Amino acid sequence: MRFFSIALLVTSVFLMLRCGQSQDLNASVFIPSPTDNPPNAEKIALGRKLFFDKRLSLDGTISCASCHDPRKAFTDNHAKSIGIGAQLSERNAPSILNAAFLKTAMFDAHLKSLELQVIVPIQEPVEMGHNMKNLIKQLRQIPEYQSAAQTIFGRDFDAWVLTRSISAFERSLISMNAPFDQYLAGQKNALTHNQKEGWRIFSEQLYCTKCHPAPYFTTYEAANNGLYNSYEGKVDQGRFRIHHDSSEIGMFKIPSLRNLPLTYPYMHDGSLNSISEVLLHYQKGGAKHPLQDPRIVAFDLTLKEKQQLMVFFNALVDTSYLRRNGF
């Protein structure tokens, strides 16, 4: 039933975009890029080919798209992603839509660029499991990639070409044309009455926008959301593993809520299967971890208010990137 309802949601949003909305707001979005990696069509096209190429994994079974499927809002709908040899990764795969706006990459919010992030899953033993030096040698032997590297970058295919191409492709994946965006742009009938009420509850009645402000619906910061009351004995203690700073135990980067109905399951470990479960977690005020963010406090909602909040999240779905990018 879940997949059926998700399919109906995608179809209804798609029809809404075609029939009720006059412009594609994605076309007017400014896409930031680093000075050492300005985008162009050829670079993005090369990055796209590499993104879908399973030869980037050690055994040729996993591509970047295996965990970031365009049809699933660039997630995989698994609690934890499946890598080579059917191994489970440590965390839930976040969407890479709107990755161009990320200030840092990874759940630990510690990598400064998408270029650096590209290397991590390729070399992670439970994900793609490759060795960059060996991989580069293999990819350089592929005439299509070597020729593209020479044409676009003026150099042999190397790690620079690999990371700059894939990150350029990722930055091109923009999803900012949801009904909510049309509403903000002045099309007041883009949202239903209940969705408008849901936005009011989200932005005024509750504290949601303190961590998930529009338009990106994230602050990009790492925080402890009180998912567990203790991380004692847990392998993944969040940002703590980067600096071994005990004040950062249980801190993970705040995810965007865009396309939320499509990106289940939720939390860094995929432990919550539905938006209702996520909402219940926050209604209870979290699990009361000692380092839990003080912004998280218990609240009450009537059944109608909960329903209105839930339908508001549907207004954050924008699947027009599928058509625009030919997926």
C-alpha atoms as a PDB file:
ATOM      1  CA  MET A   1       0.000   0.000   0.000  1.00  0.00           C
ATOM      2  CA  ARG A   2       2.845   2.410   0.769  1.00  0.00           C
ATOM      3  CA  PHE A   3       4.292   2.138  -2.745  1.00  0.00           C
ATOM      4  CA  PHE A   4       0.826   2.552  -4.258  1.00  0.00           C
ATOM      5  CA  SER A   5       0.182   5.693  -2.208  1.00  0.00           C
ATOM      6  CA  ILE A   6       3.603   7.114  -3.066  1.00  0.00           C
ATOM      7  CA  ALA A   7       2.906   6.495  -6.763  1.00  0.00           C
ATOM      8  CA  LEU A   8      -0.400   8.355  -6.443  1.00  0.00           C
ATOM      9  CA  LEU A   9       1.371  11.214  -4.686  1.00  0.00           C
ATOM     10  CA  VAL A  10       4.005  11.541  -7.402  1.00  0.00           C
ATOM     11  CA  THR A  11       1.330  11.390 -10.106  1.00  0.00           C
ATOM     12  CA  SER A  12      -0.864  13.993  -8.429  1.00  0.00           C
ATOM     13  CA  VAL A  13       2.035  16.380  -7.867  1.00  0.00           C
ATOM     14  CA  PHE A  14       3.165  15.896 -11.467  1.00  0.00           C
ATOM     15  CA  LEU A  15      -0.317  16.728 -12.754  1.00  0.00           C
ATOM     16  CA  MET A  16      -0.475  19.714 -10.429  1.00  0.00           C
ATOM     17  CA  LEU A  17       2.770  21.011 -11.846  1.00  0.00           C
ATOM     18  CA  ARG A  18       1.550  20.552 -15.413  1.00  0.00           C
ATOM     19  CA  CYS A  19      -1.987  21.823 -15.038  1.00  0.00           C
ATOM     20  CA  GLY A  20      -1.938  24.391 -12.270  1.00  0.00           C
ATOM     21  CA  GLN A  21       1.490  25.965 -12.288  1.00  0.00           C
ATOM     22  CA  SER A  22       2.641  28.314 -15.008  1.00  0.00           C
ATOM     23  CA  GLN A  23       6.397  28.287 -14.629  1.00  0.00           C
ATOM     24  CA  ASP A  24       9.259  26.031 -13.661  1.00  0.00           C
ATOM     25  CA  LEU A  25      10.900  27.887 -10.805  1.00  0.00           C
ATOM     26  CA  ASN A  26      13.915  25.601 -10.996  1.00  0.00           C
ATOM     27  CA  ALA A  27      14.957  27.412 -14.154  1.00  0.00           C
ATOM     28  CA  SER A  28      15.487  30.639 -12.210  1.00  0.00           C
ATOM     29  CA  VAL A  29      17.372  29.138  -9.252  1.00  0.00           C
ATOM     30  CA  PHE A  30      20.934  30.373  -8.813  1.00  0.00           C
ATOM     31  CA  ILE A  31      23.187  27.325  -8.429  1.00  0.00           C
ATOM     32  CA  PRO A  32      26.372  28.074  -6.482  1.00  0.00           C
ATOM     33  CA  SER A  33      29.588  26.349  -7.520  1.00  0.00           C
ATOM     34  CA  PRO A  34      33.207  26.545  -6.363  1.00  0.00           C
ATOM     35  CA  THR A  35      35.631  28.668  -8.364  1.00  0.00           C
ATOM     36  CA  ASP A  36      37.756  25.608  -9.151  1.00  0.00           C
ATOM     37  CA  ASN A  37      34.805  23.692 -10.587  1.00  0.00           C
ATOM     38  CA  PRO A  38      32.558  25.921 -12.706  1.00  0.00           C
ATOM     39  CA  PRO A  39      29.787  23.896 -14.366  1.00  0.00           C
ATOM     40  CA  ASN A  40      29.255  23.285 -18.047  1.00  0.00           C
ATOM     41  CA  ALA A  41      27.041  20.891 -19.982  1.00  0.00           C
ATOM     42  CA  GLU A  42      29.875  18.567 -20.993  1.00  0.00           C
ATOM     43  CA  LYS A  43      31.210  18.237 -17.460  1.00  0.00           C
ATOM     44  CA  ILE A  44      27.734  17.543 -16.086  1.00  0.00           C
ATOM     45  CA  ALA A  45      27.126  14.920 -18.801  1.00  0.00           C
ATOM     46  CA  LEU A  46      30.390  13.159 -17.916  1.00  0.00           C
ATOM     47  CA  GLY A  47      29.494  13.269 -14.225  1.00  0.00           C
ATOM     48  CA  ARG A  48      26.115  11.748 -14.984  1.00  0.00           C
ATOM     49  CA  LYS A  49      27.701   8.807 -16.832  1.00  0.00           C
ATOM     50  CA  LEU A  50      30.085   8.203 -13.961  1.00  0.00           C
ATOM     51  CA  PHE A  51      27.263   8.481 -11.421  1.00  0.00           C
ATOM     52  CA  PHE A  52      25.436   5.580 -13.057  1.00  0.00           C
ATOM     53  CA  ASP A  53      28.536   3.483 -13.834  1.00  0.00           C
ATOM     54  CA  LYS A  54      28.808   0.346 -11.695  1.00  0.00           C
ATOM     55  CA  ARG A  55      32.458   0.011 -12.643  1.00  0.00           C
ATOM     56  CA  LEU A  56      33.163   2.533  -9.903  1.00  0.00           C
ATOM     57  CA  SER A  57      32.602  -0.260  -7.368  1.00  0.00           C
ATOM     58  CA  LEU A  58      35.140  -2.997  -6.710  1.00  0.00           C
ATOM     59  CA  ASP A  59      32.970  -5.853  -7.985  1.00  0.00           C
ATOM     60  CA  GLY A  60      31.057  -3.890 -10.619  1.00  0.00           C
ATOM     61  CA  THR A  61      27.681  -4.233  -8.898  1.00  0.00           C
ATOM     62  CA  ILE A  62      27.106  -0.823  -7.283  1.00  0.00           C
ATOM     63  CA  SER A  63      26.934   2.661  -8.749  1.00  0.00           C
ATOM     64  CA  CYS A  64      26.279   5.979  -7.035  1.00  0.00           C
ATOM     65  CA  ALA A  65      22.709   5.660  -8.324  1.00  0.00           C
ATOM     66  CA  SER A  66      22.251   2.369  -6.476  1.00  0.00           C
ATOM     67  CA  CYS A  67      21.918   4.320  -3.236  1.00  0.00           C
ATOM     68  CA  HIS A  68      20.707   7.567  -4.835  1.00  0.00           C
ATOM     69  CA  ASP A  69      17.968   6.516  -7.240  1.00  0.00           C
ATOM     70  CA  PRO A  70      16.357   9.392  -9.206  1.00  0.00           C
ATOM     71  CA  ARG A  71      12.985   7.658  -9.000  1.00  0.00           C
ATOM     72  CA  LYS A  72      13.197   7.698  -5.208  1.00  0.00           C
ATOM     73  CA  ALA A  73      14.183  11.366  -4.890  1.00  0.00           C
ATOM     74  CA  PHE A  74      17.812  10.206  -5.025  1.00  0.00           C
ATOM     75  CA  THR A  75      17.505   7.959  -1.982  1.00  0.00           C
ATOM     76  CA  ASP A  76      17.035   4.167  -1.931  1.00  0.00           C
ATOM     77  CA  ASN A  77      14.203   3.691   0.610  1.00  0.00           C
ATOM     78  CA  HIS A  78      16.354   1.298   2.636  1.00  0.00           C
ATOM     79  CA  ALA A  79      17.049   1.861   6.315  1.00  0.00           C
ATOM     80  CA  LYS A  80      20.715   1.442   5.473  1.00  0.00           C
ATOM     81  CA  SER A  81      22.081   1.248   1.957  1.00  0.00           C
ATOM     82  CA  ILE A  82      23.286  -2.021   0.469  1.00  0.00           C
ATOM     83  CA  GLY A  83      26.874  -2.057  -0.766  1.00  0.00           C
ATOM     84  CA  ILE A  84      29.102  -4.603  -2.477  1.00  0.00           C
ATOM     85  CA  GLY A  85      28.702  -8.169  -1.304  1.00  0.00           C
ATOM     86  CA  ALA A  86      25.256  -7.284   0.094  1.00  0.00           C
ATOM     87  CA  GLN A  87      26.916  -5.463   2.999  1.00  0.00           C
ATOM     88  CA  LEU A  88      24.954  -2.825   4.866  1.00  0.00           C
ATOM     89  CA  SER A  89      26.313   0.681   5.073  1.00  0.00           C
ATOM     90  CA  GLU A  90      26.419   2.491   8.397  1.00  0.00           C
ATOM     91  CA  ARG A  91      23.729   5.057   7.615  1.00  0.00           C
ATOM     92  CA  ASN A  92      20.600   5.898   5.700  1.00  0.00           C
ATOM     93  CA  ALA A  93      21.238   7.399   2.251  1.00  0.00           C
ATOM     94  CA  PRO A  94      20.163  11.063   2.178  1.00  0.00           C
ATOM     95  CA  SER A  95      18.753  12.676  -0.940  1.00  0.00           C
ATOM     96  CA  ILE A  96      21.281  14.578  -3.050  1.00  0.00           C
ATOM     97  CA  LEU A  97      18.642  16.829  -4.597  1.00  0.00           C
ATOM     98  CA  ASN A  98      19.648  20.446  -3.970  1.00  0.00           C
ATOM     99  CA  ALA A  99      23.121  19.297  -2.921  1.00  0.00           C
ATOM    100  CA  ALA A 100      24.447  22.470  -4.538  1.00  0.00           C
ATOM    101  CA  PHE A 101      23.289  24.395  -1.475  1.00  0.00           C
ATOM    102  CA  LEU A 102      25.032  22.196   1.079  1.00  0.00           C
ATOM    103  CA  LYS A 103      27.532  24.020   3.250  1.00  0.00           C
ATOM    104  CA  THR A 104      29.094  20.724   4.307  1.00  0.00           C
ATOM    105  CA  ALA A 105      28.677  17.128   3.184  1.00  0.00           C
ATOM    106  CA  MET A 106      27.932  13.909   5.086  1.00  0.00           C
ATOM    107  CA  PHE A 107      25.800  13.380   8.213  1.00  0.00           C
ATOM    108  CA  ASP A 108      28.743  14.490  10.337  1.00  0.00           C
ATOM    109  CA  ALA A 109      28.765  17.875   8.556  1.00  0.00           C
ATOM    110  CA  HIS A 110      32.544  17.745   8.334  1.00  0.00           C
ATOM    111  CA  LEU A 111      33.491  17.620   4.649  1.00  0.00           C
ATOM    112  CA  LYS A 112      33.774  21.043   3.084  1.00  0.00           C
ATOM    113  CA  SER A 113      32.712  20.198  -0.452  1.00  0.00           C
ATOM    114  CA  LEU A 114      30.897  17.732  -2.687  1.00  0.00           C
ATOM    115  CA  GLU A 115      34.221  17.117  -4.420  1.00  0.00           C
ATOM    116  CA  LEU A 116      35.606  15.625  -1.211  1.00  0.00           C
ATOM    117  CA  GLN A 117      32.403  13.687  -0.568  1.00  0.00           C
ATOM    118  CA  VAL A 118      32.630  11.836  -3.896  1.00  0.00           C
ATOM    119  CA  ILE A 119      35.701   9.942  -2.707  1.00  0.00           C
ATOM    120  CA  VAL A 120      34.141   8.587   0.498  1.00  0.00           C
ATOM    121  CA  PRO A 121      31.575   6.032  -0.778  1.00  0.00           C
ATOM    122  CA  ILE A 122      33.931   4.861  -3.527  1.00  0.00           C
ATOM    123  CA  GLN A 123      36.545   3.799  -0.968  1.00  0.00           C
ATOM    124  CA  GLU A 124      34.210   2.814   1.881  1.00  0.00           C
ATOM    125  CA  PRO A 125      34.624  -1.002   2.266  1.00  0.00           C
ATOM    126  CA  VAL A 126      30.902  -1.654   2.864  1.00  0.00           C
ATOM    127  CA  GLU A 127      29.746   0.646   0.070  1.00  0.00           C
ATOM    128  CA  MET A 128      31.655   0.661  -3.240  1.00  0.00           C
ATOM    129  CA  GLY A 129      34.855  -0.729  -1.750  1.00  0.00           C
ATOM    130  CA  HIS A 130      37.321   0.435  -4.391  1.00  0.00           C
ATOM    131  CA  ASN A 131      40.831   1.854  -4.154  1.00  0.00           C
ATOM    132  CA  MET A 132      41.054   5.261  -5.839  1.00  0.00           C
ATOM    133  CA  LYS A 133      44.479   4.661  -7.356  1.00  0.00           C
ATOM    134  CA  ASN A 134      43.388   1.382  -8.908  1.00  0.00           C
ATOM    135  CA  LEU A 135      40.044   2.789  -9.989  1.00  0.00           C
ATOM    136  CA  ILE A 136      41.614   5.745 -11.766  1.00  0.00           C
ATOM    137  CA  LYS A 137      43.919   3.410 -13.703  1.00  0.00           C
ATOM    138  CA  GLN A 138      40.901   1.365 -14.812  1.00  0.00           C
ATOM    139  CA  LEU A 139      38.759   4.340 -15.808  1.00  0.00           C
ATOM    140  CA  ARG A 140      41.653   5.921 -17.740  1.00  0.00           C
ATOM    141  CA  GLN A 141      41.682   2.837 -19.955  1.00  0.00           C
ATOM    142  CA  ILE A 142      38.081   3.483 -21.017  1.00  0.00           C
ATOM    143  CA  PRO A 143      38.354   5.521 -24.260  1.00  0.00           C
ATOM    144  CA  GLU A 144      35.124   7.446 -23.640  1.00  0.00           C
ATOM    145  CA  TYR A 145      36.283   8.674 -20.237  1.00  0.00           C
ATOM    146  CA  GLN A 146      39.866   9.390 -21.278  1.00  0.00           C
ATOM    147  CA  SER A 147      38.696  11.350 -24.320  1.00  0.00           C
ATOM    148  CA  ALA A 148      36.191  13.346 -22.254  1.00  0.00           C
ATOM    149  CA  ALA A 149      38.857  14.161 -19.667  1.00  0.00           C
ATOM    150  CA  GLN A 150      41.178  15.492 -22.371  1.00  0.00           C
ATOM    151  CA  THR A 151      38.432  17.507 -24.044  1.00  0.00           C
ATOM    152  CA  ILE A 152      36.807  18.996 -20.933  1.00  0.00           C
ATOM    153  CA  PHE A 153      39.721  19.279 -18.520  1.00  0.00           C
ATOM    154  CA  GLY A 154      42.771  19.134 -20.785  1.00  0.00           C
ATOM    155  CA  ARG A 155      44.312  16.306 -18.780  1.00  0.00           C
ATOM    156  CA  ASP A 156      44.322  12.532 -18.457  1.00  0.00           C
ATOM    157  CA  PHE A 157      41.463  10.997 -16.530  1.00  0.00           C
ATOM    158  CA  ASP A 158      42.386  11.280 -12.845  1.00  0.00           C
ATOM    159  CA  ALA A 159      40.838  11.860  -9.426  1.00  0.00           C
ATOM    160  CA  TRP A 160      40.365  15.549 -10.214  1.00  0.00           C
ATOM    161  CA  VAL A 161      38.304  14.706 -13.294  1.00  0.00           C
ATOM    162  CA  LEU A 162      36.287  12.072 -11.419  1.00  0.00           C
ATOM    163  CA  THR A 163      35.417  14.209  -8.417  1.00  0.00           C
ATOM    164  CA  ARG A 164      34.793  17.436 -10.347  1.00  0.00           C
ATOM    165  CA  SER A 165      32.538  15.748 -12.897  1.00  0.00           C
ATOM    166  CA  ILE A 166      30.355  13.854 -10.432  1.00  0.00           C
ATOM    167  CA  SER A 167      30.016  16.847  -8.107  1.00  0.00           C
ATOM    168  CA  ALA A 168      29.087  19.083 -11.064  1.00  0.00           C
ATOM    169  CA  PHE A 169      26.338  16.613 -11.978  1.00  0.00           C
ATOM    170  CA  GLU A 170      25.101  16.513  -8.383  1.00  0.00           C
ATOM    171  CA  ARG A 171      24.910  20.314  -8.256  1.00  0.00           C
ATOM    172  CA  SER A 172      22.698  20.289 -11.332  1.00  0.00           C
ATOM    173  CA  LEU A 173      19.986  18.321  -9.490  1.00  0.00           C
ATOM    174  CA  ILE A 174      17.622  21.061  -8.368  1.00  0.00           C
ATOM    175  CA  SER A 175      14.202  20.445  -6.823  1.00  0.00           C
ATOM    176  CA  MET A 176      12.734  23.840  -5.937  1.00  0.00           C
ATOM    177  CA  ASN A 177       9.498  23.791  -7.923  1.00  0.00           C
ATOM    178  CA  ALA A 178       7.153  22.216  -5.374  1.00  0.00           C
ATOM    179  CA  PRO A 179       3.632  23.544  -4.814  1.00  0.00           C
ATOM    180  CA  PHE A 180       5.018  25.349  -1.763  1.00  0.00           C
ATOM    181  CA  ASP A 181       7.509  27.210  -3.985  1.00  0.00           C
ATOM    182  CA  GLN A 182       4.745  28.192  -6.358  1.00  0.00           C
ATOM    183  CA  TYR A 183       2.768  29.440  -3.353  1.00  0.00           C
ATOM    184  CA  LEU A 184       5.676  31.603  -2.188  1.00  0.00           C
ATOM    185  CA  ALA A 185       6.050  32.896  -5.748  1.00  0.00           C
ATOM    186  CA  GLY A 186       2.538  34.290  -5.590  1.00  0.00           C
ATOM    187  CA  GLN A 187       0.303  31.495  -6.839  1.00  0.00           C
ATOM    188  CA  LYS A 188      -1.937  31.321  -3.797  1.00  0.00           C
ATOM    189  CA  ASN A 189      -4.048  28.442  -5.138  1.00  0.00           C
ATOM    190  CA  ALA A 190      -0.957  26.211  -5.345  1.00  0.00           C
ATOM    191  CA  LEU A 191      -1.726  25.000  -1.810  1.00  0.00           C
ATOM    192  CA  THR A 192      -4.982  23.634  -0.497  1.00  0.00           C
ATOM    193  CA  HIS A 193      -6.595  25.165   2.582  1.00  0.00           C
ATOM    194  CA  ASN A 194      -5.318  22.300   4.732  1.00  0.00           C
ATOM    195  CA  GLN A 195      -1.795  22.657   3.358  1.00  0.00           C
ATOM    196  CA  LYS A 196      -1.830  26.367   4.180  1.00  0.00           C
ATOM    197  CA  GLU A 197      -2.970  25.506   7.691  1.00  0.00           C
ATOM    198  CA  GLY A 198      -0.225  22.888   7.880  1.00  0.00           C
ATOM    199  CA  TRP A 199       2.341  25.523   6.923  1.00  0.00           C
ATOM    200  CA  ARG A 200       0.973  27.820   9.625  1.00  0.00           C
ATOM    201  CA  ILE A 201       1.287  25.047  12.215  1.00  0.00           C
ATOM    202  CA  PHE A 202       4.786  24.192  10.966  1.00  0.00           C
ATOM    203  CA  SER A 203       6.088  27.760  10.863  1.00  0.00           C
ATOM    204  CA  GLU A 204       4.159  29.569  13.612  1.00  0.00           C
ATOM    205  CA  GLN A 205       2.555  27.168  16.071  1.00  0.00           C
ATOM    206  CA  LEU A 206       5.468  24.747  16.453  1.00  0.00           C
ATOM    207  CA  TYR A 207       9.250  25.159  16.518  1.00  0.00           C
ATOM    208  CA  CYS A 208       9.891  23.301  13.230  1.00  0.00           C
ATOM    209  CA  THR A 209      11.417  26.244  11.354  1.00  0.00           C
ATOM    210  CA  LYS A 210      14.132  26.642  13.981  1.00  0.00           C
ATOM    211  CA  CYS A 211      15.808  23.628  12.376  1.00  0.00           C
ATOM    212  CA  HIS A 212      13.935  23.441   9.055  1.00  0.00           C
ATOM    213  CA  PRO A 213      13.447  26.984   7.754  1.00  0.00           C
ATOM    214  CA  ALA A 214      12.267  27.690   4.225  1.00  0.00           C
ATOM    215  CA  PRO A 215      13.310  27.638   1.473  1.00  0.00           C
ATOM    216  CA  TYR A 216      15.778  24.760   1.943  1.00  0.00           C
ATOM    217  CA  PHE A 217      14.081  23.364   5.074  1.00  0.00           C
ATOM    218  CA  THR A 218      17.363  22.800   6.862  1.00  0.00           C
ATOM    219  CA  THR A 219      19.963  24.907   8.634  1.00  0.00           C
ATOM    220  CA  TYR A 220      22.684  22.495   7.402  1.00  0.00           C
ATOM    221  CA  GLU A 221      23.950  22.302  10.981  1.00  0.00           C
ATOM    222  CA  ALA A 222      24.638  19.193  13.038  1.00  0.00           C
ATOM    223  CA  ALA A 223      22.427  18.692  16.083  1.00  0.00           C
ATOM    224  CA  ASN A 224      21.386  16.026  18.570  1.00  0.00           C
ATOM    225  CA  ASN A 225      17.678  15.447  17.945  1.00  0.00           C
ATOM    226  CA  GLY A 226      17.235  13.109  20.900  1.00  0.00           C
ATOM    227  CA  LEU A 227      16.625  10.059  18.759  1.00  0.00           C
ATOM    228  CA  TYR A 228      18.033   7.880  21.552  1.00  0.00           C
ATOM    229  CA  ASN A 229      18.304   8.566  25.265  1.00  0.00           C
ATOM    230  CA  SER A 230      21.783   7.041  25.238  1.00  0.00           C
ATOM    231  CA  TYR A 231      24.432   6.337  22.606  1.00  0.00           C
ATOM    232  CA  GLU A 232      26.389   4.158  24.993  1.00  0.00           C
ATOM    233  CA  GLY A 233      27.438   1.030  23.147  1.00  0.00           C
ATOM    234  CA  LYS A 234      26.210   2.292  19.764  1.00  0.00           C
ATOM    235  CA  VAL A 235      28.676   2.014  16.909  1.00  0.00           C
ATOM    236  CA  ASP A 236      27.508   5.266  15.341  1.00  0.00           C
ATOM    237  CA  GLN A 237      27.733   8.146  17.788  1.00  0.00           C
ATOM    238  CA  GLY A 238      27.474  10.834  15.151  1.00  0.00           C
ATOM    239  CA  ARG A 239      29.851  13.749  14.803  1.00  0.00           C
ATOM    240  CA  PHE A 240      31.704  12.529  17.910  1.00  0.00           C
ATOM    241  CA  ARG A 241      33.607  10.101  15.707  1.00  0.00           C
ATOM    242  CA  ILE A 242      35.191  12.962  13.761  1.00  0.00           C
ATOM    243  CA  HIS A 243      36.686  15.063  16.572  1.00  0.00           C
ATOM    244  CA  HIS A 244      36.171  12.761  19.585  1.00  0.00           C
ATOM    245  CA  ASP A 245      34.529  15.707  21.304  1.00  0.00           C
ATOM    246  CA  SER A 246      32.095  14.315  23.860  1.00  0.00           C
ATOM    247  CA  SER A 247      29.805  17.343  23.419  1.00  0.00           C
ATOM    248  CA  GLU A 248      29.117  16.142  19.862  1.00  0.00           C
ATOM    249  CA  ILE A 249      27.799  12.681  20.763  1.00  0.00           C
ATOM    250  CA  GLY A 250      24.577  12.031  18.870  1.00  0.00           C
ATOM    251  CA  MET A 251      24.972  15.022  16.575  1.00  0.00           C
ATOM    252  CA  PHE A 252      23.991  14.527  12.944  1.00  0.00           C
ATOM    253  CA  LYS A 253      23.387  17.049  10.200  1.00  0.00           C
ATOM    254  CA  ILE A 254      19.805  18.283  10.029  1.00  0.00           C
ATOM    255  CA  PRO A 255      18.309  16.919   6.783  1.00  0.00           C
ATOM    256  CA  SER A 256      16.142  18.875   4.394  1.00  0.00           C
ATOM    257  CA  LEU A 257      12.426  18.095   4.469  1.00  0.00           C
ATOM    258  CA  ARG A 258      12.011  18.628   0.753  1.00  0.00           C
ATOM    259  CA  ASN A 259      10.447  15.605  -0.958  1.00  0.00           C
ATOM    260  CA  LEU A 260       9.961  14.164   2.529  1.00  0.00           C
ATOM    261  CA  PRO A 261       7.126  11.738   1.618  1.00  0.00           C
ATOM    262  CA  LEU A 262       9.435  10.106  -0.945  1.00  0.00           C
ATOM    263  CA  THR A 263      12.573   9.707   1.152  1.00  0.00           C
ATOM    264  CA  TYR A 264      11.509   7.181   3.805  1.00  0.00           C
ATOM    265  CA  PRO A 265      12.679   5.643   6.086  1.00  0.00           C
ATOM    266  CA  TYR A 266      13.908   8.479   8.269  1.00  0.00           C
ATOM    267  CA  MET A 267      16.719   9.468  10.640  1.00  0.00           C
ATOM    268  CA  HIS A 268      20.429   8.815  10.144  1.00  0.00           C
ATOM    269  CA  ASP A 269      19.928   5.093  10.708  1.00  0.00           C
ATOM    270  CA  GLY A 270      16.563   4.710   8.960  1.00  0.00           C
ATOM    271  CA  SER A 271      15.005   3.604  12.234  1.00  0.00           C
ATOM    272  CA  LEU A 272      11.694   5.448  11.756  1.00  0.00           C
ATOM    273  CA  ASN A 273       9.592   4.118   8.904  1.00  0.00           C
ATOM    274  CA  SER A 274       7.010   6.844   8.467  1.00  0.00           C
ATOM    275  CA  ILE A 275       6.462  10.570   8.857  1.00  0.00           C
ATOM    276  CA  SER A 276       3.917   9.738  11.566  1.00  0.00           C
ATOM    277  CA  GLU A 277       6.646   8.023  13.595  1.00  0.00           C
ATOM    278  CA  VAL A 278       8.935  11.021  13.145  1.00  0.00           C
ATOM    279  CA  LEU A 279       6.182  13.381  14.235  1.00  0.00           C
ATOM    280  CA  LEU A 280       5.464  11.240  17.307  1.00  0.00           C
ATOM    281  CA  HIS A 281       9.151  11.373  18.261  1.00  0.00           C
ATOM    282  CA  TYR A 282       9.064  15.154  18.326  1.00  0.00           C
ATOM    283  CA  GLN A 283       5.622  15.334  19.918  1.00  0.00           C
ATOM    284  CA  LYS A 284       7.068  13.436  22.875  1.00  0.00           C
ATOM    285  CA  GLY A 285       9.927  15.900  23.046  1.00  0.00           C
ATOM    286  CA  GLY A 286      12.552  13.418  21.904  1.00  0.00           C
ATOM    287  CA  ALA A 287      14.093  10.629  23.941  1.00  0.00           C
ATOM    288  CA  LYS A 288      15.682  13.095  26.399  1.00  0.00           C
ATOM    289  CA  HIS A 289      19.337  12.479  25.655  1.00  0.00           C
ATOM    290  CA  PRO A 290      21.530  14.642  27.943  1.00  0.00           C
ATOM    291  CA  LEU A 291      22.884  16.487  24.897  1.00  0.00           C
ATOM    292  CA  GLN A 292      19.545  16.759  23.118  1.00  0.00           C
ATOM    293  CA  ASP A 293      19.059  20.092  21.358  1.00  0.00           C
ATOM    294  CA  PRO A 294      17.105  22.389  23.722  1.00  0.00           C
ATOM    295  CA  ARG A 295      14.848  23.482  20.857  1.00  0.00           C
ATOM    296  CA  ILE A 296      13.161  20.084  20.954  1.00  0.00           C
ATOM    297  CA  VAL A 297      10.274  20.205  23.400  1.00  0.00           C
ATOM    298  CA  ALA A 298       7.044  18.221  23.688  1.00  0.00           C
ATOM    299  CA  PHE A 299       3.886  19.551  22.058  1.00  0.00           C
ATOM    300  CA  ASP A 300       0.271  18.588  21.485  1.00  0.00           C
ATOM    301  CA  LEU A 301      -1.668  18.521  18.233  1.00  0.00           C
ATOM    302  CA  THR A 302      -5.309  17.757  17.590  1.00  0.00           C
ATOM    303  CA  LEU A 303      -6.050  15.040  15.058  1.00  0.00           C
ATOM    304  CA  LYS A 304      -7.044  17.684  12.517  1.00  0.00           C
ATOM    305  CA  GLU A 305      -3.853  19.670  13.091  1.00  0.00           C
ATOM    306  CA  LYS A 306      -1.762  16.539  12.645  1.00  0.00           C
ATOM    307  CA  GLN A 307      -3.555  15.764   9.381  1.00  0.00           C
ATOM    308  CA  GLN A 308      -2.992  19.321   8.159  1.00  0.00           C
ATOM    309  CA  LEU A 309       0.686  19.150   9.031  1.00  0.00           C
ATOM    310  CA  MET A 310       1.018  15.838   7.202  1.00  0.00           C
ATOM    311  CA  VAL A 311      -0.591  17.136   3.992  1.00  0.00           C
ATOM    312  CA  PHE A 312       1.685  20.175   4.129  1.00  0.00           C
ATOM    313  CA  PHE A 313       4.662  17.869   3.640  1.00  0.00           C
ATOM    314  CA  ASN A 314       3.106  16.767   0.332  1.00  0.00           C
ATOM    315  CA  ALA A 315       3.434  20.380  -0.785  1.00  0.00           C
ATOM    316  CA  LEU A 316       7.235  20.024  -0.538  1.00  0.00           C
ATOM    317  CA  VAL A 317       7.360  17.354  -3.249  1.00  0.00           C
ATOM    318  CA  ASP A 318       8.815  18.379  -6.615  1.00  0.00           C
ATOM    319  CA  THR A 319       9.398  15.577  -9.107  1.00  0.00           C
ATOM    320  CA  SER A 320       9.798  17.841 -12.125  1.00  0.00           C
ATOM    321  CA  TYR A 321      13.538  17.087 -12.062  1.00  0.00           C
ATOM    322  CA  LEU A 322      12.704  13.644 -13.476  1.00  0.00           C
ATOM    323  CA  ARG A 323      11.259  15.088 -16.651  1.00  0.00           C
ATOM    324  CA  ARG A 324      13.774  17.917 -16.858  1.00  0.00           C
ATOM    325  CA  ASN A 325      16.763  15.558 -16.652  1.00  0.00           C
ATOM    326  CA  GLY A 326      15.277  12.721 -18.675  1.00  0.00           C
ATOM    327  CA  PHE A 327      15.232  10.178 -15.850  1.00  0.00           C
END
